N, C-alpha and C. Protein backbone atom coordinates (compact mmCIF):
# COMPACT_ATOMS: atom_id res chain seq x y z
N MET A 1 0.79 -1.15 0.00
CA MET A 1 0.00 0.00 0.00
C MET A 1 0.86 1.26 0.00
N ALA A 2 1.99 1.13 0.64
CA ALA A 2 2.89 2.25 0.63
C ALA A 2 3.36 2.52 -0.79
N LYS A 3 3.46 1.44 -1.58
CA LYS A 3 3.88 1.63 -2.96
C LYS A 3 2.78 2.31 -3.73
N LYS A 4 1.54 1.89 -3.44
CA LYS A 4 0.43 2.49 -4.15
C LYS A 4 0.27 3.94 -3.76
N SER A 5 0.44 4.21 -2.51
CA SER A 5 0.31 5.54 -2.01
C SER A 5 1.44 6.43 -2.58
N ALA A 6 2.64 5.88 -2.65
CA ALA A 6 3.76 6.62 -3.21
C ALA A 6 3.52 6.83 -4.70
N SER A 7 2.94 5.80 -5.32
CA SER A 7 2.68 5.89 -6.75
C SER A 7 1.63 6.96 -7.01
N ARG A 8 0.61 7.00 -6.16
CA ARG A 8 -0.42 8.03 -6.32
C ARG A 8 0.16 9.42 -6.06
N PHE A 9 1.00 9.47 -5.03
CA PHE A 9 1.63 10.73 -4.70
C PHE A 9 2.47 11.22 -5.88
N LEU A 10 3.25 10.30 -6.44
CA LEU A 10 4.10 10.65 -7.58
C LEU A 10 3.22 11.00 -8.78
N HIS A 11 2.15 10.25 -8.95
CA HIS A 11 1.23 10.53 -10.06
C HIS A 11 0.60 11.92 -9.87
N SER A 12 0.21 12.27 -8.63
CA SER A 12 -0.35 13.58 -8.34
C SER A 12 0.69 14.68 -8.59
N ILE A 13 1.92 14.40 -8.15
CA ILE A 13 2.99 15.38 -8.38
C ILE A 13 3.22 15.54 -9.89
N ASP A 14 3.23 14.39 -10.59
CA ASP A 14 3.44 14.41 -12.04
C ASP A 14 2.32 15.19 -12.72
N LYS A 15 1.08 14.92 -12.28
CA LYS A 15 -0.07 15.61 -12.86
C LYS A 15 0.00 17.11 -12.57
N TYR A 16 0.36 17.45 -11.32
CA TYR A 16 0.51 18.84 -10.94
C TYR A 16 1.62 19.51 -11.75
N ALA A 17 2.72 18.80 -11.94
CA ALA A 17 3.87 19.32 -12.69
C ALA A 17 3.47 19.55 -14.15
N LYS A 18 2.69 18.60 -14.73
CA LYS A 18 2.25 18.75 -16.11
C LYS A 18 1.34 19.97 -16.25
N LYS A 19 0.41 20.16 -15.25
CA LYS A 19 -0.47 21.33 -15.28
C LYS A 19 0.36 22.62 -15.19
N LYS A 20 1.33 22.61 -14.29
CA LYS A 20 2.19 23.77 -14.12
C LYS A 20 2.98 24.02 -15.40
N LYS A 21 3.47 22.91 -16.01
CA LYS A 21 4.25 23.02 -17.24
C LYS A 21 3.39 23.63 -18.35
N LEU A 22 2.14 23.15 -18.46
CA LEU A 22 1.22 23.70 -19.47
C LEU A 22 0.90 25.16 -19.19
N LYS A 23 0.69 25.46 -17.90
CA LYS A 23 0.38 26.84 -17.53
C LYS A 23 1.58 27.75 -17.83
N LEU A 24 2.79 27.27 -17.49
CA LEU A 24 4.00 28.05 -17.77
C LEU A 24 4.20 28.19 -19.28
N ALA A 25 3.91 27.14 -20.03
CA ALA A 25 4.05 27.20 -21.49
C ALA A 25 3.08 28.24 -22.06
N GLU A 26 1.83 28.24 -21.52
CA GLU A 26 0.85 29.23 -21.97
C GLU A 26 1.28 30.65 -21.61
N GLU A 27 1.80 30.83 -20.40
CA GLU A 27 2.27 32.14 -19.97
C GLU A 27 3.44 32.60 -20.83
N ILE A 28 4.36 31.66 -21.10
CA ILE A 28 5.51 32.00 -21.95
C ILE A 28 5.02 32.37 -23.35
N GLU A 29 4.07 31.60 -23.87
CA GLU A 29 3.52 31.89 -25.20
C GLU A 29 2.82 33.26 -25.20
N GLN A 30 2.08 33.53 -24.13
CA GLN A 30 1.39 34.81 -24.02
C GLN A 30 2.41 35.95 -23.94
N ILE A 31 3.46 35.78 -23.13
CA ILE A 31 4.51 36.79 -23.01
C ILE A 31 5.19 37.00 -24.36
N GLU A 32 5.49 35.88 -25.06
CA GLU A 32 6.13 35.97 -26.38
C GLU A 32 5.21 36.70 -27.37
N ASN A 33 3.89 36.37 -27.32
CA ASN A 33 2.93 37.04 -28.20
C ASN A 33 2.86 38.54 -27.89
N GLU A 34 2.83 38.89 -26.61
CA GLU A 34 2.80 40.29 -26.22
C GLU A 34 4.06 41.01 -26.70
N ARG A 35 5.22 40.36 -26.49
CA ARG A 35 6.48 40.96 -26.95
C ARG A 35 6.48 41.09 -28.47
N LEU A 36 5.99 40.07 -29.14
CA LEU A 36 5.92 40.08 -30.60
C LEU A 36 5.01 41.22 -31.07
N GLN A 37 3.86 41.36 -30.41
CA GLN A 37 2.95 42.46 -30.76
C GLN A 37 3.61 43.82 -30.52
N LYS A 38 4.30 43.95 -29.37
CA LYS A 38 5.00 45.20 -29.07
C LYS A 38 6.06 45.48 -30.13
N GLU A 39 6.81 44.47 -30.51
CA GLU A 39 7.85 44.64 -31.53
C GLU A 39 7.22 44.98 -32.88
N GLU A 40 6.11 44.33 -33.21
CA GLU A 40 5.41 44.63 -34.45
C GLU A 40 4.93 46.09 -34.45
N LEU A 41 4.37 46.54 -33.30
CA LEU A 41 3.92 47.92 -33.19
C LEU A 41 5.09 48.89 -33.34
N LYS A 42 6.24 48.55 -32.73
CA LYS A 42 7.42 49.39 -32.88
C LYS A 42 7.85 49.44 -34.35
N ILE A 43 7.85 48.29 -34.99
CA ILE A 43 8.25 48.22 -36.40
C ILE A 43 7.28 49.04 -37.25
N PHE A 44 5.96 48.84 -37.02
CA PHE A 44 4.96 49.61 -37.77
C PHE A 44 5.12 51.11 -37.54
N GLU A 45 5.36 51.50 -36.28
CA GLU A 45 5.55 52.91 -35.95
C GLU A 45 6.80 53.47 -36.65
N ASN A 46 7.89 52.68 -36.62
CA ASN A 46 9.12 53.10 -37.31
C ASN A 46 8.89 53.20 -38.82
N VAL A 47 8.16 52.25 -39.38
CA VAL A 47 7.86 52.29 -40.81
C VAL A 47 6.98 53.51 -41.11
N ARG A 48 5.98 53.76 -40.27
CA ARG A 48 5.10 54.92 -40.46
C ARG A 48 5.91 56.22 -40.38
N LEU A 49 6.78 56.33 -39.38
CA LEU A 49 7.61 57.52 -39.24
C LEU A 49 8.54 57.68 -40.44
N LEU A 50 9.10 56.59 -40.90
CA LEU A 50 9.98 56.64 -42.08
C LEU A 50 9.19 57.07 -43.32
N MET A 51 7.99 56.51 -43.46
CA MET A 51 7.14 56.90 -44.59
C MET A 51 6.76 58.37 -44.51
N MET A 52 6.39 58.84 -43.32
CA MET A 52 6.01 60.24 -43.15
C MET A 52 7.21 61.15 -43.46
N SER A 53 8.37 60.75 -43.00
CA SER A 53 9.58 61.53 -43.27
C SER A 53 9.87 61.56 -44.76
N LYS A 54 9.77 60.41 -45.42
CA LYS A 54 10.01 60.33 -46.87
C LYS A 54 8.97 61.17 -47.60
N LEU A 55 7.71 61.06 -47.18
CA LEU A 55 6.64 61.82 -47.80
C LEU A 55 6.87 63.32 -47.63
N ALA A 56 7.25 63.73 -46.43
CA ALA A 56 7.53 65.14 -46.18
C ALA A 56 8.70 65.62 -47.05
N ASN A 57 9.75 64.82 -47.14
CA ASN A 57 10.90 65.18 -47.98
C ASN A 57 10.49 65.30 -49.45
N THR A 58 9.67 64.34 -49.90
CA THR A 58 9.22 64.38 -51.29
C THR A 58 8.35 65.60 -51.54
N LYS A 59 7.44 65.91 -50.59
CA LYS A 59 6.60 67.11 -50.73
C LYS A 59 7.47 68.36 -50.77
N ASN A 60 8.48 68.44 -49.91
CA ASN A 60 9.38 69.60 -49.89
C ASN A 60 10.14 69.72 -51.21
N GLU A 61 10.61 68.60 -51.73
CA GLU A 61 11.33 68.63 -53.02
C GLU A 61 10.40 69.12 -54.13
N ILE A 62 9.18 68.60 -54.15
CA ILE A 62 8.21 69.02 -55.17
C ILE A 62 7.88 70.51 -55.01
N ALA A 63 7.65 70.92 -53.77
CA ALA A 63 7.34 72.33 -53.52
C ALA A 63 8.50 73.23 -53.96
N MET A 64 9.73 72.80 -53.70
CA MET A 64 10.90 73.58 -54.12
C MET A 64 10.98 73.65 -55.64
N GLN A 65 10.70 72.53 -56.31
CA GLN A 65 10.72 72.53 -57.78
C GLN A 65 9.63 73.45 -58.33
N VAL A 66 8.44 73.37 -57.74
CA VAL A 66 7.33 74.24 -58.18
C VAL A 66 7.70 75.71 -57.95
N TYR A 67 8.29 76.01 -56.80
CA TYR A 67 8.72 77.37 -56.49
C TYR A 67 9.73 77.87 -57.52
N LYS A 68 10.70 77.01 -57.85
CA LYS A 68 11.72 77.41 -58.83
C LYS A 68 11.09 77.66 -60.19
N VAL A 69 10.16 76.78 -60.60
CA VAL A 69 9.50 76.96 -61.89
C VAL A 69 8.67 78.24 -61.89
N ARG A 70 7.91 78.48 -60.82
CA ARG A 70 7.11 79.70 -60.72
C ARG A 70 7.98 80.95 -60.74
N THR A 71 9.06 80.92 -59.97
CA THR A 71 9.96 82.06 -59.92
C THR A 71 10.57 82.32 -61.29
N SER A 72 11.00 81.26 -61.94
CA SER A 72 11.58 81.40 -63.27
C SER A 72 10.55 81.94 -64.26
N SER A 73 9.33 81.42 -64.17
CA SER A 73 8.26 81.87 -65.07
C SER A 73 7.93 83.34 -64.81
N LYS A 74 7.84 83.72 -63.55
CA LYS A 74 7.55 85.12 -63.22
C LYS A 74 8.65 86.03 -63.73
N GLN A 75 9.90 85.58 -63.61
CA GLN A 75 11.02 86.38 -64.11
C GLN A 75 10.93 86.52 -65.63
N LYS A 76 10.59 85.44 -66.32
CA LYS A 76 10.44 85.49 -67.78
C LYS A 76 9.32 86.44 -68.17
N VAL A 77 8.19 86.35 -67.46
CA VAL A 77 7.06 87.24 -67.75
C VAL A 77 7.46 88.69 -67.49
N TYR A 78 8.15 88.93 -66.38
CA TYR A 78 8.60 90.29 -66.06
C TYR A 78 9.53 90.81 -67.16
N ASN A 79 10.45 89.96 -67.60
CA ASN A 79 11.37 90.38 -68.66
C ASN A 79 10.62 90.68 -69.95
N LEU A 80 9.63 89.85 -70.28
CA LEU A 80 8.85 90.10 -71.49
C LEU A 80 8.06 91.40 -71.36
N LYS A 81 7.45 91.63 -70.20
CA LYS A 81 6.71 92.87 -69.97
C LYS A 81 7.63 94.08 -70.11
N THR A 82 8.82 93.97 -69.53
CA THR A 82 9.78 95.06 -69.60
C THR A 82 10.20 95.31 -71.05
N ASP A 83 10.43 94.23 -71.80
CA ASP A 83 10.79 94.38 -73.22
C ASP A 83 9.67 95.06 -74.00
N ILE A 84 8.43 94.66 -73.71
CA ILE A 84 7.27 95.27 -74.40
C ILE A 84 7.20 96.75 -74.03
N TRP A 85 7.30 97.05 -72.73
CA TRP A 85 7.24 98.43 -72.26
C TRP A 85 8.32 99.27 -72.93
N LYS A 86 9.54 98.74 -72.96
CA LYS A 86 10.66 99.47 -73.56
C LYS A 86 10.42 99.69 -75.05
N LYS A 87 9.97 98.66 -75.75
CA LYS A 87 9.73 98.78 -77.19
C LYS A 87 8.64 99.80 -77.48
N VAL A 88 7.56 99.75 -76.71
CA VAL A 88 6.46 100.68 -76.93
C VAL A 88 6.95 102.12 -76.79
N PHE A 89 7.69 102.42 -75.74
CA PHE A 89 8.10 103.80 -75.51
C PHE A 89 9.30 104.21 -76.36
N ASP A 90 10.12 103.26 -76.77
CA ASP A 90 11.16 103.58 -77.75
C ASP A 90 10.51 103.96 -79.08
N ASP A 91 9.48 103.21 -79.46
CA ASP A 91 8.74 103.53 -80.69
C ASP A 91 8.07 104.90 -80.58
N CYS A 92 7.50 105.20 -79.42
CA CYS A 92 6.86 106.51 -79.20
C CYS A 92 7.88 107.63 -79.35
N LYS A 93 9.05 107.46 -78.75
CA LYS A 93 10.08 108.50 -78.83
C LYS A 93 10.50 108.71 -80.29
N ILE A 94 10.64 107.64 -81.05
CA ILE A 94 11.01 107.76 -82.46
C ILE A 94 9.92 108.50 -83.24
N ARG A 95 8.66 108.13 -82.97
CA ARG A 95 7.56 108.81 -83.67
C ARG A 95 7.49 110.29 -83.30
N ILE A 96 7.72 110.60 -82.02
CA ILE A 96 7.72 112.00 -81.58
C ILE A 96 8.88 112.75 -82.23
N GLU A 97 10.05 112.14 -82.23
CA GLU A 97 11.21 112.77 -82.85
C GLU A 97 10.94 113.06 -84.33
N ASN A 98 10.35 112.09 -85.02
CA ASN A 98 10.01 112.30 -86.43
C ASN A 98 8.95 113.40 -86.58
N PHE A 99 7.99 113.42 -85.66
CA PHE A 99 6.94 114.44 -85.70
C PHE A 99 7.52 115.84 -85.54
N THR A 100 8.52 115.98 -84.65
CA THR A 100 9.10 117.31 -84.40
C THR A 100 9.86 117.86 -85.61
N LYS A 101 10.05 117.03 -86.62
CA LYS A 101 10.75 117.47 -87.84
C LYS A 101 9.78 117.81 -88.97
N THR A 102 8.49 117.75 -88.68
CA THR A 102 7.48 118.00 -89.72
C THR A 102 6.86 119.38 -89.56
N PRO A 103 6.20 119.87 -90.60
CA PRO A 103 5.47 121.16 -90.49
C PRO A 103 4.32 121.08 -89.49
N GLU A 104 3.78 119.89 -89.27
CA GLU A 104 2.69 119.73 -88.30
C GLU A 104 3.15 120.07 -86.88
N TYR A 105 4.44 119.88 -86.61
CA TYR A 105 4.97 120.23 -85.29
C TYR A 105 4.89 121.74 -85.07
N CYS A 106 5.19 122.48 -86.09
CA CYS A 106 5.08 123.95 -86.01
C CYS A 106 3.64 124.34 -85.72
N GLU A 107 2.70 123.66 -86.36
CA GLU A 107 1.27 123.92 -86.11
C GLU A 107 0.90 123.53 -84.67
N TYR A 108 1.50 122.46 -84.17
CA TYR A 108 1.27 122.04 -82.78
C TYR A 108 1.71 123.15 -81.82
N ILE A 109 2.90 123.72 -82.06
CA ILE A 109 3.40 124.80 -81.20
C ILE A 109 2.47 126.02 -81.28
N LYS A 110 2.03 126.37 -82.52
CA LYS A 110 1.10 127.50 -82.68
C LYS A 110 -0.19 127.24 -81.90
N GLY A 111 -0.73 126.04 -82.01
CA GLY A 111 -1.95 125.68 -81.29
C GLY A 111 -1.75 125.77 -79.78
N ALA A 112 -0.59 125.34 -79.31
CA ALA A 112 -0.29 125.41 -77.87
C ALA A 112 -0.23 126.86 -77.42
N VAL A 113 0.38 127.73 -78.24
CA VAL A 113 0.46 129.15 -77.89
C VAL A 113 -0.94 129.74 -77.80
N CYS A 114 -1.80 129.43 -78.77
CA CYS A 114 -3.18 129.95 -78.75
C CYS A 114 -3.93 129.48 -77.50
N LYS A 115 -3.81 128.21 -77.17
CA LYS A 115 -4.48 127.68 -75.97
C LYS A 115 -3.96 128.35 -74.71
N ALA A 116 -2.64 128.54 -74.63
CA ALA A 116 -2.05 129.17 -73.45
C ALA A 116 -2.51 130.63 -73.33
N GLU A 117 -2.61 131.35 -74.45
CA GLU A 117 -3.08 132.73 -74.42
C GLU A 117 -4.52 132.81 -73.94
N LYS A 118 -5.34 131.84 -74.35
CA LYS A 118 -6.74 131.83 -73.90
C LYS A 118 -6.83 131.63 -72.39
N VAL A 119 -5.96 130.79 -71.86
CA VAL A 119 -6.02 130.48 -70.43
C VAL A 119 -5.26 131.52 -69.60
N LEU A 120 -4.06 131.90 -70.03
CA LEU A 120 -3.20 132.76 -69.21
C LEU A 120 -3.13 134.21 -69.68
N GLY A 121 -3.52 134.48 -70.92
CA GLY A 121 -3.44 135.84 -71.45
C GLY A 121 -2.11 136.09 -72.15
N ASP A 122 -1.78 137.38 -72.36
CA ASP A 122 -0.54 137.76 -73.05
C ASP A 122 0.63 137.84 -72.07
N ASN A 123 1.78 138.19 -72.63
CA ASN A 123 3.02 138.35 -71.86
C ASN A 123 3.38 137.08 -71.09
N LEU A 124 3.42 135.98 -71.81
CA LEU A 124 3.77 134.68 -71.20
C LEU A 124 5.26 134.44 -71.30
N SER A 125 5.76 133.65 -70.39
CA SER A 125 7.11 133.09 -70.56
C SER A 125 6.92 131.79 -71.33
N VAL A 126 7.58 131.68 -72.48
CA VAL A 126 7.44 130.50 -73.34
C VAL A 126 8.77 129.75 -73.30
N PHE A 127 8.73 128.52 -72.81
CA PHE A 127 9.95 127.72 -72.67
C PHE A 127 10.02 126.72 -73.82
N LEU A 128 11.11 126.81 -74.58
CA LEU A 128 11.34 125.91 -75.71
C LEU A 128 12.67 125.20 -75.53
N ARG A 129 12.80 124.04 -76.14
CA ARG A 129 14.09 123.35 -76.14
C ARG A 129 14.98 124.01 -77.21
N GLU A 130 16.27 123.78 -77.11
CA GLU A 130 17.23 124.42 -78.01
C GLU A 130 16.95 124.08 -79.47
N LYS A 131 16.59 122.84 -79.75
CA LYS A 131 16.31 122.42 -81.13
C LYS A 131 15.15 123.18 -81.74
N ASP A 132 14.25 123.68 -80.91
CA ASP A 132 13.04 124.34 -81.42
C ASP A 132 13.17 125.85 -81.56
N LEU A 133 14.32 126.38 -81.20
CA LEU A 133 14.49 127.84 -81.31
C LEU A 133 14.40 128.30 -82.77
N ASN A 134 14.73 127.40 -83.71
CA ASN A 134 14.63 127.77 -85.13
C ASN A 134 13.17 127.96 -85.58
N LEU A 135 12.22 127.48 -84.77
CA LEU A 135 10.80 127.64 -85.11
C LEU A 135 10.31 129.07 -84.86
N ILE A 136 11.08 129.83 -84.11
CA ILE A 136 10.64 131.18 -83.75
C ILE A 136 10.36 132.00 -85.01
N ASN A 137 11.19 131.86 -86.03
CA ASN A 137 10.96 132.60 -87.28
C ASN A 137 9.64 132.19 -87.92
N LEU A 138 9.30 130.89 -87.82
CA LEU A 138 8.07 130.41 -88.45
C LEU A 138 6.82 130.83 -87.69
N ILE A 139 6.96 131.01 -86.39
CA ILE A 139 5.77 131.34 -85.57
C ILE A 139 5.92 132.71 -84.93
N SER A 140 6.73 133.56 -85.50
CA SER A 140 7.01 134.86 -84.88
C SER A 140 5.74 135.68 -84.65
N ASP A 141 4.77 135.58 -85.55
CA ASP A 141 3.54 136.35 -85.37
C ASP A 141 2.74 135.85 -84.16
N PHE A 142 2.95 134.62 -83.75
CA PHE A 142 2.24 134.06 -82.58
C PHE A 142 2.99 134.36 -81.28
N ILE A 143 4.27 134.58 -81.39
CA ILE A 143 5.11 134.54 -80.20
C ILE A 143 5.77 135.88 -79.86
N LEU A 144 5.63 136.91 -80.72
CA LEU A 144 6.30 138.20 -80.51
C LEU A 144 5.91 138.85 -79.18
N LYS A 145 4.71 138.66 -78.77
CA LYS A 145 4.25 139.32 -77.54
C LYS A 145 4.59 138.55 -76.26
N HIS A 146 5.48 137.53 -76.40
CA HIS A 146 5.83 136.69 -75.25
C HIS A 146 7.35 136.66 -75.06
N ASN A 147 7.74 136.28 -73.85
CA ASN A 147 9.15 136.16 -73.50
C ASN A 147 9.62 134.73 -73.79
N ILE A 148 10.55 134.55 -74.74
CA ILE A 148 11.05 133.22 -75.11
C ILE A 148 12.21 132.86 -74.20
N VAL A 149 12.15 131.63 -73.62
CA VAL A 149 13.19 131.17 -72.70
C VAL A 149 13.66 129.79 -73.16
N LEU A 150 14.98 129.61 -73.20
CA LEU A 150 15.56 128.32 -73.54
C LEU A 150 15.46 127.41 -72.32
N ASN A 151 14.99 126.17 -72.55
CA ASN A 151 14.82 125.22 -71.44
C ASN A 151 15.53 123.92 -71.79
N TYR A 152 16.56 123.58 -71.01
CA TYR A 152 17.34 122.37 -71.27
C TYR A 152 16.68 121.11 -70.71
N LYS A 153 15.63 121.28 -69.92
CA LYS A 153 14.94 120.10 -69.37
C LYS A 153 13.99 119.48 -70.38
N ILE A 154 13.58 120.26 -71.35
CA ILE A 154 12.70 119.72 -72.40
C ILE A 154 13.58 118.97 -73.39
N LYS A 155 13.40 117.67 -73.46
CA LYS A 155 14.24 116.83 -74.32
C LYS A 155 13.51 116.38 -75.59
N ASP A 156 12.24 116.04 -75.44
CA ASP A 156 11.51 115.40 -76.54
C ASP A 156 10.69 116.37 -77.39
N GLY A 157 10.55 117.59 -76.93
CA GLY A 157 9.81 118.58 -77.71
C GLY A 157 8.59 119.08 -76.97
N GLY A 158 7.94 120.05 -77.61
CA GLY A 158 6.78 120.67 -76.99
C GLY A 158 7.17 121.99 -76.38
N VAL A 159 6.27 122.53 -75.59
CA VAL A 159 6.47 123.86 -75.07
C VAL A 159 5.82 123.98 -73.69
N LEU A 160 6.44 124.81 -72.84
CA LEU A 160 5.92 125.14 -71.51
C LEU A 160 5.56 126.62 -71.48
N PHE A 161 4.52 126.95 -70.73
CA PHE A 161 4.11 128.35 -70.58
C PHE A 161 4.00 128.65 -69.10
N CYS A 162 4.35 129.89 -68.77
CA CYS A 162 4.24 130.30 -67.37
C CYS A 162 3.86 131.77 -67.30
N LYS A 163 2.98 132.04 -66.35
CA LYS A 163 2.63 133.42 -66.05
C LYS A 163 2.17 133.46 -64.61
N ASN A 164 2.83 134.30 -63.81
CA ASN A 164 2.47 134.44 -62.40
C ASN A 164 2.43 133.10 -61.68
N ASP A 165 3.45 132.31 -61.87
CA ASP A 165 3.58 130.98 -61.25
C ASP A 165 2.48 129.99 -61.63
N CYS A 166 1.78 130.29 -62.70
CA CYS A 166 0.80 129.34 -63.22
C CYS A 166 1.41 128.72 -64.48
N TRP A 167 1.48 127.40 -64.51
CA TRP A 167 2.19 126.70 -65.59
C TRP A 167 1.21 125.91 -66.45
N LEU A 168 1.48 125.93 -67.74
CA LEU A 168 0.79 125.05 -68.69
C LEU A 168 1.86 124.23 -69.40
N ASP A 169 1.66 122.94 -69.42
CA ASP A 169 2.68 122.05 -69.96
C ASP A 169 2.16 121.37 -71.23
N PHE A 170 2.80 121.68 -72.34
CA PHE A 170 2.49 121.04 -73.61
C PHE A 170 3.72 120.28 -74.12
N THR A 171 4.54 119.80 -73.19
CA THR A 171 5.76 119.09 -73.60
C THR A 171 5.47 117.61 -73.80
N PHE A 172 6.19 117.03 -74.72
CA PHE A 172 6.08 115.58 -74.94
C PHE A 172 6.77 114.81 -73.81
N ASP A 173 7.73 115.46 -73.16
CA ASP A 173 8.40 114.81 -72.03
C ASP A 173 7.39 114.45 -70.94
N THR A 174 6.54 115.42 -70.60
CA THR A 174 5.53 115.20 -69.57
C THR A 174 4.51 114.17 -70.04
N ARG A 175 4.09 114.30 -71.29
CA ARG A 175 3.10 113.34 -71.80
C ARG A 175 3.65 111.92 -71.81
N ILE A 176 4.90 111.77 -72.22
CA ILE A 176 5.51 110.43 -72.21
C ILE A 176 5.59 109.91 -70.79
N SER A 177 6.01 110.78 -69.86
CA SER A 177 6.10 110.38 -68.45
C SER A 177 4.73 109.94 -67.92
N GLU A 178 3.68 110.72 -68.23
CA GLU A 178 2.33 110.35 -67.79
C GLU A 178 1.87 109.06 -68.44
N GLN A 179 2.19 108.88 -69.71
CA GLN A 179 1.79 107.65 -70.41
C GLN A 179 2.54 106.43 -69.87
N LYS A 180 3.80 106.63 -69.52
CA LYS A 180 4.56 105.51 -68.93
C LYS A 180 3.90 105.08 -67.63
N LYS A 181 3.56 106.05 -66.81
CA LYS A 181 2.91 105.75 -65.53
C LYS A 181 1.57 105.05 -65.77
N TRP A 182 0.77 105.59 -66.69
CA TRP A 182 -0.52 104.97 -67.00
C TRP A 182 -0.33 103.56 -67.55
N PHE A 183 0.62 103.40 -68.44
CA PHE A 183 0.89 102.11 -69.06
C PHE A 183 1.30 101.08 -68.01
N LEU A 184 2.18 101.49 -67.08
CA LEU A 184 2.60 100.58 -66.01
C LEU A 184 1.41 100.16 -65.15
N GLU A 185 0.55 101.12 -64.81
CA GLU A 185 -0.58 100.83 -63.93
C GLU A 185 -1.67 100.02 -64.62
N ASN A 186 -1.95 100.31 -65.90
CA ASN A 186 -3.10 99.73 -66.55
C ASN A 186 -2.80 98.61 -67.54
N CYS A 187 -1.61 98.58 -68.05
CA CYS A 187 -1.30 97.57 -69.07
C CYS A 187 -0.33 96.52 -68.59
N MET A 188 0.74 96.95 -67.95
CA MET A 188 1.78 95.98 -67.56
C MET A 188 1.23 94.95 -66.58
N SER A 189 0.39 95.36 -65.67
CA SER A 189 -0.13 94.41 -64.69
C SER A 189 -1.15 93.46 -65.31
N LYS A 190 -1.72 93.82 -66.46
CA LYS A 190 -2.74 92.98 -67.08
C LYS A 190 -2.18 92.09 -68.16
N LEU A 191 -0.94 92.33 -68.56
CA LEU A 191 -0.33 91.47 -69.55
C LEU A 191 0.03 90.15 -68.87
N VAL A 192 -0.43 89.08 -69.42
CA VAL A 192 -0.22 87.71 -68.94
C VAL A 192 -0.93 87.42 -67.66
């Protein structure tokens, strides 16, 4: 009976040991699964962070390329606008220069004198550029009653009148300047 009792005792110990072994195996498996899940989460997080970093770098590269293309395009448009502006006003200056060599220019000066006399009266100071002093003989009947003054600021032609600090400007210099300003405000910004 002692053998049977010892055998039962050993069998109970063996059974208990097997249960403990199974329980420990399950706990180890659970711990391994938890560690595996934690490692998988770390890997996924690292992959996500790497992807986000790569995506951000790619977006920055694309944004930089777009910026460079836009900047280059804007510079090209600005250069084209400037070329157009320059050509337009170079052409205007040539046309004005050609106009000042025609008989119609003399009529323009006569008309300006008449308009100035209507507004300011007689005894005007009449400012002409040096190139136009030769017109005095042609318009002497219009200009005899006025004081003729040489003006080196008038480059493109036309005439200035003054009486009692009241000025009338019929110069092409002023008109070109006003047209340049108008052209910049109204045309250059609307081109392209």
